[in-house]
PDB file of N, CA and C in Angstrom:
ATOM      1  N   MET A   1     151.981   6.025  50.092  1.00  0.00           N
ATOM      2  CA  MET A   1     151.004   7.074  50.250  1.00  0.00           C
ATOM      3  C   MET A   1     151.691   8.417  50.503  1.00  0.00           C
ATOM      4  N   GLU A   2     152.751   8.407  51.308  1.00  0.00           N
ATOM      5  CA  GLU A   2     153.437   9.658  51.630  1.00  0.00           C
ATOM      6  C   GLU A   2     153.916  10.375  50.367  1.00  0.00           C
ATOM      7  N   GLN A   3     154.548   9.643  49.487  1.00  0.00           N
ATOM      8  CA  GLN A   3     155.053  10.255  48.261  1.00  0.00           C
ATOM      9  C   GLN A   3     153.922  10.760  47.372  1.00  0.00           C
ATOM     10  N   LYS A   4     152.803  10.078  47.376  1.00  0.00           N
ATOM     11  CA  LYS A   4     151.642  10.506  46.592  1.00  0.00           C
ATOM     12  C   LYS A   4     151.125  11.851  47.098  1.00  0.00           C
ATOM     13  N   VAL A   5     151.039  12.007  48.411  1.00  0.00           N
ATOM     14  CA  VAL A   5     150.572  13.254  49.008  1.00  0.00           C
ATOM     15  C   VAL A   5     151.558  14.384  48.703  1.00  0.00           C
ATOM     16  N   ILE A   6     152.840  14.107  48.850  1.00  0.00           N
ATOM     17  CA  ILE A   6     153.866  15.116  48.564  1.00  0.00           C
ATOM     18  C   ILE A   6     153.774  15.562  47.111  1.00  0.00           C
ATOM     19  N   LYS A   7     153.672  14.612  46.196  1.00  0.00           N
ATOM     20  CA  LYS A   7     153.585  14.948  44.777  1.00  0.00           C
ATOM     21  C   LYS A   7     152.334  15.779  44.495  1.00  0.00           C
ATOM     22  N   LEU A   8     151.203  15.398  45.074  1.00  0.00           N
ATOM     23  CA  LEU A   8     149.953  16.131  44.881  1.00  0.00           C
ATOM     24  C   LEU A   8     150.092  17.581  45.345  1.00  0.00           C
ATOM     25  N   LEU A   9     150.669  17.774  46.517  1.00  0.00           N
ATOM     26  CA  LEU A   9     150.824  19.127  47.037  1.00  0.00           C
ATOM     27  C   LEU A   9     151.812  19.950  46.215  1.00  0.00           C
ATOM     28  N   ARG A  10     152.842  19.322  45.702  1.00  0.00           N
ATOM     29  CA  ARG A  10     153.796  20.038  44.830  1.00  0.00           C
ATOM     30  C   ARG A  10     153.104  20.477  43.542  1.00  0.00           C
ATOM     31  N   VAL A  11     152.292  19.595  42.962  1.00  0.00           N
ATOM     32  CA  VAL A  11     151.550  19.932  41.747  1.00  0.00           C
ATOM     33  C   VAL A  11     150.612  21.109  42.007  1.00  0.00           C
ATOM     34  N   GLU A  12     150.066  21.173  43.214  1.00  0.00           N
ATOM     35  CA  GLU A  12     149.183  22.278  43.585  1.00  0.00           C
ATOM     36  C   GLU A  12     149.952  23.579  43.808  1.00  0.00           C
ATOM     37  N   GLY A  13     151.282  23.510  43.787  1.00  0.00           N
ATOM     38  CA  GLY A  13     152.086  24.719  43.909  1.00  0.00           C
ATOM     39  C   GLY A  13     152.698  24.987  45.265  1.00  0.00           C
ATOM     40  N   HIS A  14     152.631  24.015  46.180  1.00  0.00           N
ATOM     41  CA  HIS A  14     153.230  24.198  47.498  1.00  0.00           C
ATOM     42  C   HIS A  14     154.719  23.863  47.436  1.00  0.00           C
ATOM     43  N   PRO A  15     155.577  24.845  47.695  1.00  0.00           N
ATOM     44  CA  PRO A  15     157.022  24.606  47.609  1.00  0.00           C
ATOM     45  C   PRO A  15     157.584  23.939  48.865  1.00  0.00           C
ATOM     46  N   VAL A  16     158.827  23.513  48.769  1.00  0.00           N
ATOM     47  CA  VAL A  16     159.570  23.017  49.930  1.00  0.00           C
ATOM     48  C   VAL A  16     159.669  24.191  50.898  1.00  0.00           C
ATOM     49  N   PHE A  17     159.427  23.938  52.188  1.00  0.00           N
ATOM     50  CA  PHE A  17     159.401  25.019  53.179  1.00  0.00           C
ATOM     51  C   PHE A  17     160.740  25.208  53.884  1.00  0.00           C
ATOM     52  N   LEU A  18     161.358  24.129  54.332  1.00  0.00           N
ATOM     53  CA  LEU A  18     162.641  24.227  55.026  1.00  0.00           C
ATOM     54  C   LEU A  18     163.777  23.894  54.064  1.00  0.00           C
ATOM     55  N   SER A  19     164.953  24.419  54.352  1.00  0.00           N
ATOM     56  CA  SER A  19     166.114  24.173  53.486  1.00  0.00           C
ATOM     57  C   SER A  19     166.922  22.981  53.996  1.00  0.00           C
ATOM     58  N   ASP A  20     167.851  22.535  53.158  1.00  0.00           N
ATOM     59  CA  ASP A  20     168.737  21.444  53.570  1.00  0.00           C
ATOM     60  C   ASP A  20     169.646  21.883  54.718  1.00  0.00           C
ATOM     61  N   VAL A  21     169.909  23.165  54.846  1.00  0.00           N
ATOM     62  CA  VAL A  21     170.717  23.684  55.959  1.00  0.00           C
ATOM     63  C   VAL A  21     169.918  23.583  57.263  1.00  0.00           C
ATOM     64  N   GLN A  22     168.633  23.858  57.172  1.00  0.00           N
ATOM     65  CA  GLN A  22     167.774  23.779  58.361  1.00  0.00           C
ATOM     66  C   GLN A  22     167.524  22.333  58.789  1.00  0.00           C
ATOM     67  N   MET A  23     167.613  21.403  57.849  1.00  0.00           N
ATOM     68  CA  MET A  23     167.398  19.979  58.140  1.00  0.00           C
ATOM     69  C   MET A  23     168.571  19.174  57.570  1.00  0.00           C
ATOM     70  N   PRO A  24     169.734  19.267  58.180  1.00  0.00           N
ATOM     71  CA  PRO A  24     170.940  18.651  57.630  1.00  0.00           C
ATOM     72  C   PRO A  24     170.920  17.122  57.574  1.00  0.00           C
ATOM     73  N   ILE A  25     170.037  16.488  58.325  1.00  0.00           N
ATOM     74  CA  ILE A  25     169.975  15.024  58.313  1.00  0.00           C
ATOM     75  C   ILE A  25     169.103  14.527  57.175  1.00  0.00           C
ATOM     76  N   GLY A  26     168.330  15.395  56.575  1.00  0.00           N
ATOM     77  CA  GLY A  26     167.479  15.021  55.449  1.00  0.00           C
ATOM     78  C   GLY A  26     166.013  15.254  55.746  1.00  0.00           C
ATOM     79  N   GLY A  27     165.207  15.063  54.732  1.00  0.00           N
ATOM     80  CA  GLY A  27     163.773  15.203  54.869  1.00  0.00           C
ATOM     81  C   GLY A  27     163.234  16.576  54.516  1.00  0.00           C
ATOM     82  N   TYR A  28     164.111  17.520  54.203  1.00  0.00           N
ATOM     83  CA  TYR A  28     163.649  18.879  53.925  1.00  0.00           C
ATOM     84  C   TYR A  28     162.737  18.950  52.704  1.00  0.00           C
ATOM     85  N   LYS A  29     162.918  18.057  51.753  1.00  0.00           N
ATOM     86  CA  LYS A  29     162.086  18.069  50.550  1.00  0.00           C
ATOM     87  C   LYS A  29     160.644  17.651  50.848  1.00  0.00           C
ATOM     88  N   GLU A  30     160.413  17.144  52.033  1.00  0.00           N
ATOM     89  CA  GLU A  30     159.085  16.687  52.428  1.00  0.00           C
ATOM     90  C   GLU A  30     158.405  17.669  53.371  1.00  0.00           C
ATOM     91  N   THR A  31     158.903  18.913  53.427  1.00  0.00           N
ATOM     92  CA  THR A  31     158.336  19.903  54.333  1.00  0.00           C
ATOM     93  C   THR A  31     157.404  20.859  53.597  1.00  0.00           C
ATOM     94  N   PHE A  32     156.402  21.338  54.336  1.00  0.00           N
ATOM     95  CA  PHE A  32     155.424  22.279  53.813  1.00  0.00           C
ATOM     96  C   PHE A  32     155.180  23.345  54.868  1.00  0.00           C
ATOM     97  N   ASP A  33     154.734  24.502  54.449  1.00  0.00           N
ATOM     98  CA  ASP A  33     154.384  25.586  55.350  1.00  0.00           C
ATOM     99  C   ASP A  33     153.035  25.249  56.001  1.00  0.00           C
ATOM    100  N   ALA A  34     153.039  25.070  57.313  1.00  0.00           N
ATOM    101  CA  ALA A  34     151.819  24.690  58.036  1.00  0.00           C
ATOM    102  C   ALA A  34     150.753  25.776  57.988  1.00  0.00           C
ATOM    103  N   VAL A  35     151.127  26.993  57.670  1.00  0.00           N
ATOM    104  CA  VAL A  35     150.144  28.061  57.528  1.00  0.00           C
ATOM    105  C   VAL A  35     149.355  27.873  56.232  1.00  0.00           C
ATOM    106  N   ARG A  36     150.020  27.324  55.211  1.00  0.00           N
ATOM    107  CA  ARG A  36     149.376  27.141  53.903  1.00  0.00           C
ATOM    108  C   ARG A  36     148.794  25.744  53.703  1.00  0.00           C
ATOM    109  N   VAL A  37     149.331  24.750  54.418  1.00  0.00           N
ATOM    110  CA  VAL A  37     148.878  23.357  54.262  1.00  0.00           C
ATOM    111  C   VAL A  37     148.485  22.819  55.633  1.00  0.00           C
ATOM    112  N   SER A  38     147.211  22.628  55.839  1.00  0.00           N
ATOM    113  CA  SER A  38     146.735  22.142  57.140  1.00  0.00           C
ATOM    114  C   SER A  38     146.947  20.634  57.278  1.00  0.00           C
ATOM    115  N   ALA A  39     146.871  20.177  58.508  1.00  0.00           N
ATOM    116  CA  ALA A  39     146.974  18.737  58.764  1.00  0.00           C
ATOM    117  C   ALA A  39     145.848  18.001  58.047  1.00  0.00           C
ATOM    118  N   GLY A  40     144.674  18.597  58.039  1.00  0.00           N
ATOM    119  CA  GLY A  40     143.538  17.994  57.341  1.00  0.00           C
ATOM    120  C   GLY A  40     143.790  17.836  55.857  1.00  0.00           C
ATOM    121  N   ARG A  41     144.451  18.816  55.261  1.00  0.00           N
ATOM    122  CA  ARG A  41     144.772  18.747  53.824  1.00  0.00           C
ATOM    123  C   ARG A  41     145.775  17.634  53.560  1.00  0.00           C
ATOM    124  N   LEU A  42     146.704  17.448  54.477  1.00  0.00           N
ATOM    125  CA  LEU A  42     147.688  16.377  54.317  1.00  0.00           C
ATOM    126  C   LEU A  42     147.025  15.004  54.426  1.00  0.00           C
ATOM    127  N   LEU A  43     146.018  14.883  55.264  1.00  0.00           N
ATOM    128  CA  LEU A  43     145.352  13.606  55.478  1.00  0.00           C
ATOM    129  C   LEU A  43     144.274  13.287  54.457  1.00  0.00           C
ATOM    130  N   ALA A  44     143.744  14.301  53.791  1.00  0.00           N
ATOM    131  CA  ALA A  44     142.625  14.109  52.875  1.00  0.00           C
ATOM    132  C   ALA A  44     142.863  13.025  51.811  1.00  0.00           C
ATOM    133  N   PRO A  45     143.999  12.997  51.126  1.00  0.00           N
ATOM    134  CA  PRO A  45     144.203  11.955  50.110  1.00  0.00           C
ATOM    135  C   PRO A  45     144.214  10.542  50.718  1.00  0.00           C
ATOM    136  N   ALA A  46     144.780  10.399  51.900  1.00  0.00           N
ATOM    137  CA  ALA A  46     144.817   9.089  52.557  1.00  0.00           C
ATOM    138  C   ALA A  46     143.403   8.671  52.973  1.00  0.00           C
ATOM    139  N   GLU A  47     142.659   9.624  53.506  1.00  0.00           N
ATOM    140  CA  GLU A  47     141.288   9.342  53.930  1.00  0.00           C
ATOM    141  C   GLU A  47     140.415   8.965  52.726  1.00  0.00           C
ATOM    142  N   ALA A  48     140.674   9.579  51.594  1.00  0.00           N
ATOM    143  CA  ALA A  48     139.879   9.297  50.381  1.00  0.00           C
ATOM    144  C   ALA A  48     140.089   7.869  49.884  1.00  0.00           C
ATOM    145  N   GLU A  49     141.227   7.272  50.208  1.00  0.00           N
ATOM    146  CA  GLU A  49     141.512   5.907  49.749  1.00  0.00           C
ATOM    147  C   GLU A  49     141.009   4.838  50.701  1.00  0.00           C
ATOM    148  N   ARG A  50     140.495   5.224  51.835  1.00  0.00           N
ATOM    149  CA  ARG A  50     140.013   4.246  52.819  1.00  0.00           C
ATOM    150  C   ARG A  50     138.729   3.625  52.391  1.00  0.00           C
TER     151      ARG A  50
END
């Protein structure tokens, strides 16, 4: 589900927010700007599948 949400948001035009320098252990490709993507928006696809 996580990858599905990430892919959906990327298709909608939301870019990676943090850089690999800011997150040296990994996971930066899964970051979004919280000002542009709300928690509710992140949960909506998961909620729709329930």
